[in-house]
Amino acid sequence: MIKVKRERTADCVVIGFRWAKDLKGEAVGSLLLGLYGPDGELWQVGFTSGFTQPARRELVPFLEPYRDETSEDPPPGIAPMSRWAHGKDLSYEKLRPELVCEVAFDQVTGHRIRHGSRFVRWRPDKPAESCTFEQLTIPATVNLKKLLA
C-alpha cells in the first residue's frame, strides 16, 4: 500500500501580515491570504507562515510599499469571538490587495484553508482580481470506475 497525500495549490491575494511575536517590527510572522467571493468582496481564507528567519526579515522591506494601515479588528471572514481567538491579539498590518502568491494546501473546510498552507512562490503575472473562491472548488471530472478498474 502506498499513501499519497493530495496537495492542491491556489493563487491568493496577500491582504496583510502579522509580525513575528518575538520580533515585532523586525520580522513577518505570517501572511494573511484572501480570495474574492462572487459578490466581489475580499475575504480572508487562511494564512501561510513557514518562512525561515532570514526570509521573515526580508519580507519587511518587500511588503513595506504595499502597507496600508494597522487594524485592531480581525480581517473579513474571521469570527472575532471564536473559541480559538478568545483573548488573542487579532491585529494585523493591512496591505493593498495587489500582491498575489501561490500557496499549497491539503484541506478546505467551508471557505477556509485549514491547517495553514505552504508558500510556493510570488505570482507577479496574476492580477489580484483573478483570485477567487472558484479555485477551491474541484469539479468531479474523474471517472472513478475507470480509475479503479
N, C-alpha and C. Protein backbone atom coordinates (compact mmCIF):
# COMPACT_ATOMS: atom_id res chain seq x y z
N MET A 1 0.84 -1.15 0.00
CA MET A 1 0.00 0.00 0.00
C MET A 1 0.90 1.24 0.00
N ILE A 2 0.49 2.21 -0.79
CA ILE A 2 1.18 3.50 -0.84
C ILE A 2 0.17 4.58 -0.50
N LYS A 3 0.53 5.40 0.45
CA LYS A 3 -0.35 6.51 0.80
C LYS A 3 0.14 7.74 0.04
N VAL A 4 -0.77 8.33 -0.72
CA VAL A 4 -0.44 9.52 -1.48
C VAL A 4 -1.31 10.66 -0.95
N LYS A 5 -0.66 11.67 -0.44
CA LYS A 5 -1.39 12.81 0.10
C LYS A 5 -1.62 13.81 -1.03
N ARG A 6 -2.87 14.16 -1.22
CA ARG A 6 -3.22 15.09 -2.28
C ARG A 6 -2.85 16.51 -1.84
N GLU A 7 -2.15 17.21 -2.70
CA GLU A 7 -1.82 18.60 -2.42
C GLU A 7 -2.35 19.45 -3.55
N ARG A 8 -3.03 20.50 -3.16
CA ARG A 8 -3.58 21.42 -4.14
C ARG A 8 -2.91 22.77 -3.97
N THR A 9 -3.02 23.60 -5.00
CA THR A 9 -2.49 24.95 -4.90
C THR A 9 -3.57 25.94 -5.30
N ALA A 10 -3.39 27.17 -4.82
CA ALA A 10 -4.29 28.26 -5.17
C ALA A 10 -3.49 29.55 -5.18
N ASP A 11 -3.90 30.46 -6.03
CA ASP A 11 -3.32 31.79 -6.05
C ASP A 11 -4.18 32.68 -5.17
N CYS A 12 -3.57 33.30 -4.18
CA CYS A 12 -4.29 34.11 -3.19
C CYS A 12 -3.74 35.53 -3.15
N VAL A 13 -4.61 36.45 -2.81
CA VAL A 13 -4.21 37.83 -2.59
C VAL A 13 -3.62 37.92 -1.18
N VAL A 14 -2.49 38.59 -1.05
CA VAL A 14 -1.91 38.80 0.28
C VAL A 14 -2.56 40.07 0.82
N ILE A 15 -3.46 39.89 1.80
CA ILE A 15 -4.26 41.03 2.30
C ILE A 15 -3.63 41.68 3.53
N GLY A 16 -2.61 41.03 4.09
CA GLY A 16 -1.96 41.60 5.25
C GLY A 16 -0.93 40.66 5.82
N PHE A 17 -0.35 41.07 6.94
CA PHE A 17 0.60 40.20 7.63
C PHE A 17 0.56 40.49 9.12
N ARG A 18 1.05 39.52 9.86
CA ARG A 18 1.22 39.69 11.30
C ARG A 18 2.71 39.67 11.59
N TRP A 19 3.10 40.45 12.57
CA TRP A 19 4.50 40.48 12.97
C TRP A 19 4.86 39.18 13.70
N ALA A 20 6.12 38.77 13.58
CA ALA A 20 6.61 37.65 14.37
C ALA A 20 6.52 38.05 15.84
N LYS A 21 6.04 37.18 16.69
CA LYS A 21 5.78 37.53 18.09
C LYS A 21 7.02 38.07 18.80
N ASP A 22 8.15 37.44 18.59
CA ASP A 22 9.36 37.84 19.30
C ASP A 22 10.15 38.92 18.57
N LEU A 23 9.74 39.29 17.35
CA LEU A 23 10.49 40.26 16.56
C LEU A 23 9.57 41.31 15.93
N LYS A 24 8.66 41.84 16.71
CA LYS A 24 7.70 42.82 16.18
C LYS A 24 8.45 44.02 15.59
N GLY A 25 8.09 44.34 14.36
CA GLY A 25 8.74 45.44 13.66
C GLY A 25 9.99 45.05 12.91
N GLU A 26 10.47 43.83 13.16
CA GLU A 26 11.71 43.38 12.52
C GLU A 26 11.50 42.21 11.57
N ALA A 27 10.46 41.41 11.81
CA ALA A 27 10.26 40.21 11.00
C ALA A 27 8.77 39.89 10.89
N VAL A 28 8.38 39.36 9.75
CA VAL A 28 7.00 38.97 9.49
C VAL A 28 6.77 37.58 10.07
N GLY A 29 5.64 37.40 10.75
CA GLY A 29 5.29 36.10 11.30
C GLY A 29 4.48 35.27 10.33
N SER A 30 3.45 35.89 9.73
CA SER A 30 2.61 35.17 8.78
C SER A 30 1.99 36.14 7.78
N LEU A 31 1.69 35.62 6.61
CA LEU A 31 0.96 36.37 5.59
C LEU A 31 -0.50 35.95 5.64
N LEU A 32 -1.41 36.91 5.59
CA LEU A 32 -2.84 36.62 5.57
C LEU A 32 -3.29 36.56 4.12
N LEU A 33 -4.02 35.50 3.79
CA LEU A 33 -4.40 35.22 2.41
C LEU A 33 -5.88 35.50 2.19
N GLY A 34 -6.21 36.04 1.04
CA GLY A 34 -7.59 36.34 0.72
C GLY A 34 -7.99 35.89 -0.66
N LEU A 35 -9.29 35.70 -0.84
CA LEU A 35 -9.88 35.38 -2.14
C LEU A 35 -11.13 36.23 -2.31
N TYR A 36 -11.44 36.54 -3.56
CA TYR A 36 -12.65 37.29 -3.87
C TYR A 36 -13.84 36.35 -3.98
N GLY A 37 -14.94 36.74 -3.33
CA GLY A 37 -16.18 35.98 -3.40
C GLY A 37 -16.97 36.38 -4.62
N PRO A 38 -18.09 35.69 -4.88
CA PRO A 38 -18.93 36.01 -6.03
C PRO A 38 -19.50 37.43 -5.98
N ASP A 39 -19.57 38.00 -4.76
CA ASP A 39 -20.09 39.37 -4.61
C ASP A 39 -18.99 40.42 -4.81
N GLY A 40 -17.75 39.98 -5.10
CA GLY A 40 -16.65 40.91 -5.29
C GLY A 40 -15.95 41.31 -4.02
N GLU A 41 -16.42 40.80 -2.87
CA GLU A 41 -15.82 41.11 -1.57
C GLU A 41 -14.57 40.25 -1.37
N LEU A 42 -13.53 40.82 -0.78
CA LEU A 42 -12.29 40.11 -0.49
C LEU A 42 -12.35 39.57 0.93
N TRP A 43 -12.20 38.24 1.09
CA TRP A 43 -12.31 37.57 2.39
C TRP A 43 -11.02 36.84 2.72
N GLN A 44 -10.65 36.84 3.99
CA GLN A 44 -9.50 36.05 4.40
C GLN A 44 -9.87 34.58 4.36
N VAL A 45 -8.99 33.76 3.79
CA VAL A 45 -9.25 32.33 3.71
C VAL A 45 -8.22 31.50 4.46
N GLY A 46 -7.17 32.14 4.93
CA GLY A 46 -6.14 31.40 5.64
C GLY A 46 -4.88 32.22 5.79
N PHE A 47 -3.79 31.52 6.05
CA PHE A 47 -2.50 32.18 6.25
C PHE A 47 -1.39 31.24 5.82
N THR A 48 -0.21 31.78 5.70
CA THR A 48 0.98 30.97 5.47
C THR A 48 2.08 31.54 6.35
N SER A 49 2.84 30.67 6.99
CA SER A 49 3.82 31.17 7.96
C SER A 49 5.12 30.38 8.00
N GLY A 50 5.34 29.49 7.10
CA GLY A 50 6.53 28.64 7.17
C GLY A 50 7.77 29.23 6.53
N PHE A 51 8.17 30.42 6.98
CA PHE A 51 9.34 31.07 6.40
C PHE A 51 10.54 30.90 7.32
N THR A 52 11.72 30.90 6.73
CA THR A 52 12.95 30.86 7.53
C THR A 52 13.12 32.22 8.20
N GLN A 53 13.96 32.28 9.23
CA GLN A 53 14.20 33.56 9.91
C GLN A 53 14.74 34.63 8.95
N PRO A 54 15.71 34.31 8.09
CA PRO A 54 16.17 35.35 7.15
C PRO A 54 15.05 35.81 6.20
N ALA A 55 14.21 34.88 5.74
CA ALA A 55 13.11 35.25 4.84
C ALA A 55 12.10 36.13 5.56
N ARG A 56 11.84 35.86 6.84
CA ARG A 56 10.91 36.69 7.61
C ARG A 56 11.39 38.14 7.67
N ARG A 57 12.68 38.31 7.83
CA ARG A 57 13.26 39.66 7.88
C ARG A 57 13.24 40.32 6.50
N GLU A 58 13.49 39.55 5.47
CA GLU A 58 13.50 40.08 4.10
C GLU A 58 12.10 40.51 3.65
N LEU A 59 11.07 39.90 4.20
CA LEU A 59 9.71 40.27 3.84
C LEU A 59 9.34 41.68 4.28
N VAL A 60 9.94 42.18 5.35
CA VAL A 60 9.58 43.50 5.88
C VAL A 60 9.80 44.59 4.83
N PRO A 61 11.00 44.75 4.25
CA PRO A 61 11.15 45.79 3.22
C PRO A 61 10.40 45.48 1.93
N PHE A 62 10.21 44.19 1.63
CA PHE A 62 9.47 43.80 0.42
C PHE A 62 8.01 44.24 0.52
N LEU A 63 7.40 44.07 1.69
CA LEU A 63 5.99 44.39 1.88
C LEU A 63 5.74 45.87 2.17
N GLU A 64 6.75 46.60 2.59
CA GLU A 64 6.60 48.00 3.00
C GLU A 64 5.85 48.87 1.98
N PRO A 65 6.16 48.80 0.68
CA PRO A 65 5.45 49.67 -0.27
C PRO A 65 3.95 49.36 -0.40
N TYR A 66 3.52 48.19 0.06
CA TYR A 66 2.12 47.78 -0.05
C TYR A 66 1.32 48.03 1.22
N ARG A 67 2.00 48.46 2.29
CA ARG A 67 1.32 48.65 3.57
C ARG A 67 0.28 49.74 3.48
N ASP A 68 -0.84 49.49 4.16
CA ASP A 68 -1.96 50.41 4.14
C ASP A 68 -2.18 51.03 5.52
N GLU A 69 -2.43 50.18 6.51
CA GLU A 69 -2.67 50.65 7.88
C GLU A 69 -2.63 49.45 8.82
N THR A 70 -2.67 49.73 10.11
CA THR A 70 -2.76 48.67 11.11
C THR A 70 -4.23 48.53 11.50
N SER A 71 -4.69 47.30 11.60
CA SER A 71 -6.06 47.06 12.00
C SER A 71 -6.08 46.30 13.31
N GLU A 72 -6.87 46.76 14.25
CA GLU A 72 -7.05 46.07 15.53
C GLU A 72 -8.10 44.97 15.41
N ASP A 73 -8.95 45.08 14.38
CA ASP A 73 -10.01 44.11 14.18
C ASP A 73 -9.51 42.95 13.32
N PRO A 74 -10.14 41.79 13.44
CA PRO A 74 -9.75 40.68 12.59
C PRO A 74 -10.13 40.96 11.13
N PRO A 75 -9.44 40.32 10.18
CA PRO A 75 -9.78 40.50 8.76
C PRO A 75 -11.17 39.96 8.45
N PRO A 76 -11.79 40.40 7.34
CA PRO A 76 -13.10 39.88 6.97
C PRO A 76 -13.04 38.37 6.76
N GLY A 77 -14.03 37.67 7.28
CA GLY A 77 -14.06 36.22 7.15
C GLY A 77 -13.63 35.49 8.40
N ILE A 78 -13.19 36.24 9.42
CA ILE A 78 -12.75 35.64 10.67
C ILE A 78 -13.74 36.01 11.76
N ALA A 79 -14.23 35.01 12.46
CA ALA A 79 -15.14 35.28 13.59
C ALA A 79 -14.32 35.84 14.73
N PRO A 80 -14.63 37.06 15.19
CA PRO A 80 -13.80 37.69 16.21
C PRO A 80 -13.85 36.99 17.56
N MET A 81 -14.91 36.29 17.88
CA MET A 81 -15.01 35.69 19.20
C MET A 81 -15.08 34.16 19.12
N SER A 82 -14.35 33.55 18.21
CA SER A 82 -14.34 32.09 18.18
C SER A 82 -13.60 31.57 19.41
N ARG A 83 -13.75 30.32 19.70
CA ARG A 83 -13.12 29.79 20.92
C ARG A 83 -11.60 29.79 20.81
N TRP A 84 -11.06 29.80 19.57
CA TRP A 84 -9.62 29.82 19.39
C TRP A 84 -9.07 31.25 19.43
N ALA A 85 -9.92 32.24 19.16
CA ALA A 85 -9.46 33.62 19.10
C ALA A 85 -9.71 34.38 20.39
N HIS A 86 -10.38 33.77 21.35
CA HIS A 86 -10.72 34.48 22.59
C HIS A 86 -9.45 34.95 23.30
N GLY A 87 -9.35 36.26 23.47
CA GLY A 87 -8.19 36.83 24.15
C GLY A 87 -6.94 36.93 23.31
N LYS A 88 -7.00 36.53 22.08
CA LYS A 88 -5.84 36.54 21.20
C LYS A 88 -5.75 37.89 20.48
N ASP A 89 -4.54 38.36 20.26
CA ASP A 89 -4.32 39.59 19.52
C ASP A 89 -4.58 39.31 18.04
N LEU A 90 -5.65 39.89 17.50
CA LEU A 90 -6.01 39.67 16.10
C LEU A 90 -5.61 40.84 15.20
N SER A 91 -4.80 41.76 15.73
CA SER A 91 -4.38 42.90 14.92
C SER A 91 -3.43 42.42 13.82
N TYR A 92 -3.42 43.16 12.74
CA TYR A 92 -2.54 42.82 11.63
C TYR A 92 -2.26 44.08 10.83
N GLU A 93 -1.24 44.00 10.00
CA GLU A 93 -0.87 45.10 9.12
C GLU A 93 -1.57 44.87 7.79
N LYS A 94 -2.46 45.79 7.43
CA LYS A 94 -3.18 45.66 6.15
C LYS A 94 -2.25 45.99 4.99
N LEU A 95 -2.45 45.26 3.90
CA LEU A 95 -1.74 45.54 2.65
C LEU A 95 -2.76 45.87 1.57
N ARG A 96 -2.38 46.74 0.65
CA ARG A 96 -3.24 46.98 -0.51
C ARG A 96 -3.36 45.66 -1.25
N PRO A 97 -4.54 45.30 -1.76
CA PRO A 97 -4.73 43.99 -2.40
C PRO A 97 -4.13 43.94 -3.81
N GLU A 98 -2.80 43.93 -3.87
CA GLU A 98 -2.10 43.92 -5.15
C GLU A 98 -1.16 42.73 -5.30
N LEU A 99 -0.66 42.21 -4.19
CA LEU A 99 0.29 41.09 -4.25
C LEU A 99 -0.46 39.76 -4.32
N VAL A 100 0.03 38.88 -5.18
CA VAL A 100 -0.55 37.55 -5.31
C VAL A 100 0.55 36.53 -5.09
N CYS A 101 0.22 35.49 -4.32
CA CYS A 101 1.17 34.40 -4.14
C CYS A 101 0.44 33.07 -4.33
N GLU A 102 1.20 32.08 -4.71
CA GLU A 102 0.67 30.72 -4.83
C GLU A 102 0.99 29.99 -3.54
N VAL A 103 0.00 29.30 -3.00
CA VAL A 103 0.20 28.50 -1.80
C VAL A 103 -0.28 27.08 -2.05
N ALA A 104 0.33 26.14 -1.35
CA ALA A 104 -0.09 24.75 -1.41
C ALA A 104 -0.84 24.43 -0.13
N PHE A 105 -1.87 23.62 -0.24
CA PHE A 105 -2.68 23.26 0.92
C PHE A 105 -3.25 21.87 0.70
N ASP A 106 -3.78 21.29 1.77
CA ASP A 106 -4.35 19.95 1.62
C ASP A 106 -5.82 19.84 2.02
N GLN A 107 -6.37 20.87 2.68
CA GLN A 107 -7.75 20.74 3.11
C GLN A 107 -8.45 22.09 3.13
N VAL A 108 -9.71 22.08 2.69
CA VAL A 108 -10.56 23.27 2.75
C VAL A 108 -11.83 22.88 3.48
N THR A 109 -12.23 23.68 4.43
CA THR A 109 -13.49 23.48 5.13
C THR A 109 -14.27 24.78 5.03
N GLY A 110 -15.44 24.69 4.43
CA GLY A 110 -16.22 25.90 4.21
C GLY A 110 -15.48 26.82 3.26
N HIS A 111 -15.17 27.99 3.73
CA HIS A 111 -14.43 28.94 2.90
C HIS A 111 -13.01 29.17 3.43
N ARG A 112 -12.49 28.26 4.24
CA ARG A 112 -11.18 28.44 4.86
C ARG A 112 -10.24 27.31 4.50
N ILE A 113 -8.99 27.68 4.23
CA ILE A 113 -7.92 26.69 4.06
C ILE A 113 -7.52 26.29 5.47
N ARG A 114 -7.61 25.01 5.77
CA ARG A 114 -7.33 24.52 7.12
C ARG A 114 -5.88 24.07 7.25
N HIS A 115 -5.39 24.07 8.47
CA HIS A 115 -4.04 23.61 8.82
C HIS A 115 -2.96 24.46 8.16
N GLY A 116 -3.27 25.71 7.87
CA GLY A 116 -2.27 26.57 7.25
C GLY A 116 -1.98 26.15 5.82
N SER A 117 -1.09 26.81 5.22
CA SER A 117 -0.70 26.48 3.86
C SER A 117 0.79 26.78 3.70
N ARG A 118 1.36 26.28 2.63
CA ARG A 118 2.79 26.45 2.39
C ARG A 118 3.00 27.42 1.24
N PHE A 119 3.80 28.46 1.47
CA PHE A 119 4.12 29.43 0.43
C PHE A 119 4.90 28.72 -0.67
N VAL A 120 4.46 28.91 -1.93
CA VAL A 120 5.15 28.30 -3.06
C VAL A 120 5.97 29.34 -3.81
N ARG A 121 5.30 30.45 -4.22
CA ARG A 121 6.00 31.48 -4.98
C ARG A 121 5.13 32.72 -5.12
N TRP A 122 5.78 33.82 -5.45
CA TRP A 122 5.05 35.04 -5.78
C TRP A 122 4.53 34.93 -7.19
N ARG A 123 3.39 35.53 -7.49
CA ARG A 123 2.78 35.49 -8.81
C ARG A 123 2.58 36.92 -9.35
N PRO A 124 3.67 37.59 -9.79
CA PRO A 124 3.52 38.94 -10.31
C PRO A 124 2.75 38.97 -11.63
N ASP A 125 2.59 37.81 -12.26
CA ASP A 125 1.88 37.71 -13.54
C ASP A 125 0.37 37.62 -13.36
N LYS A 126 -0.11 37.45 -12.12
CA LYS A 126 -1.54 37.26 -11.86
C LYS A 126 -2.16 38.53 -11.31
N PRO A 127 -3.26 38.99 -11.89
CA PRO A 127 -3.97 40.12 -11.27
C PRO A 127 -4.73 39.63 -10.04
N ALA A 128 -4.77 40.45 -9.02
CA ALA A 128 -5.42 40.08 -7.76
C ALA A 128 -6.89 39.71 -7.97
N GLU A 129 -7.56 40.37 -8.90
CA GLU A 129 -8.99 40.12 -9.13
C GLU A 129 -9.27 38.70 -9.61
N SER A 130 -8.25 38.02 -10.14
CA SER A 130 -8.45 36.66 -10.64
C SER A 130 -8.40 35.62 -9.52
N CYS A 131 -8.10 36.03 -8.31
CA CYS A 131 -8.01 35.11 -7.18
C CYS A 131 -9.38 34.97 -6.53
N THR A 132 -10.11 33.94 -6.95
CA THR A 132 -11.49 33.77 -6.49
C THR A 132 -11.66 32.43 -5.78
N PHE A 133 -12.80 32.29 -5.11
CA PHE A 133 -13.13 31.05 -4.40
C PHE A 133 -13.27 29.86 -5.35
N GLU A 134 -13.49 30.11 -6.62
CA GLU A 134 -13.65 29.02 -7.58
C GLU A 134 -12.44 28.10 -7.59
N GLN A 135 -11.27 28.62 -7.22
CA GLN A 135 -10.06 27.78 -7.18
C GLN A 135 -10.17 26.67 -6.14
N LEU A 136 -10.97 26.89 -5.11
CA LEU A 136 -11.07 25.91 -4.03
C LEU A 136 -12.08 24.82 -4.34
N THR A 137 -12.85 25.00 -5.39
CA THR A 137 -13.85 24.01 -5.76
C THR A 137 -13.31 23.19 -6.91
N ILE A 138 -13.27 21.89 -6.72
CA ILE A 138 -12.77 21.00 -7.77
C ILE A 138 -13.95 20.24 -8.35
N PRO A 139 -14.24 20.44 -9.64
CA PRO A 139 -15.34 19.69 -10.23
C PRO A 139 -15.00 18.20 -10.33
N ALA A 140 -16.01 17.37 -10.20
CA ALA A 140 -15.82 15.92 -10.31
C ALA A 140 -15.71 15.53 -11.78
N THR A 141 -14.49 15.54 -12.28
CA THR A 141 -14.28 15.23 -13.70
C THR A 141 -13.61 13.88 -13.90
N VAL A 142 -13.20 13.25 -12.81
CA VAL A 142 -12.51 11.96 -12.90
C VAL A 142 -13.54 10.83 -12.89
N ASN A 143 -13.41 9.91 -13.82
CA ASN A 143 -14.26 8.73 -13.86
C ASN A 143 -13.66 7.73 -12.86
N LEU A 144 -14.25 7.62 -11.66
CA LEU A 144 -13.69 6.76 -10.63
C LEU A 144 -13.74 5.29 -11.01
N LYS A 145 -14.78 4.86 -11.71
CA LYS A 145 -14.88 3.46 -12.12
C LYS A 145 -13.71 3.09 -13.02
N LYS A 146 -13.38 3.97 -13.93
CA LYS A 146 -12.26 3.72 -14.84
C LYS A 146 -10.93 3.77 -14.09
N LEU A 147 -10.82 4.67 -13.15
CA LEU A 147 -9.61 4.84 -12.38
C LEU A 147 -9.35 3.61 -11.51
N LEU A 148 -10.41 3.02 -10.93
CA LEU A 148 -10.26 1.88 -10.04
C LEU A 148 -10.24 0.54 -10.76
N ALA A 149 -10.49 0.53 -12.05
CA ALA A 149 -10.52 -0.73 -12.79
C ALA A 149 -9.13 -1.29 -13.05
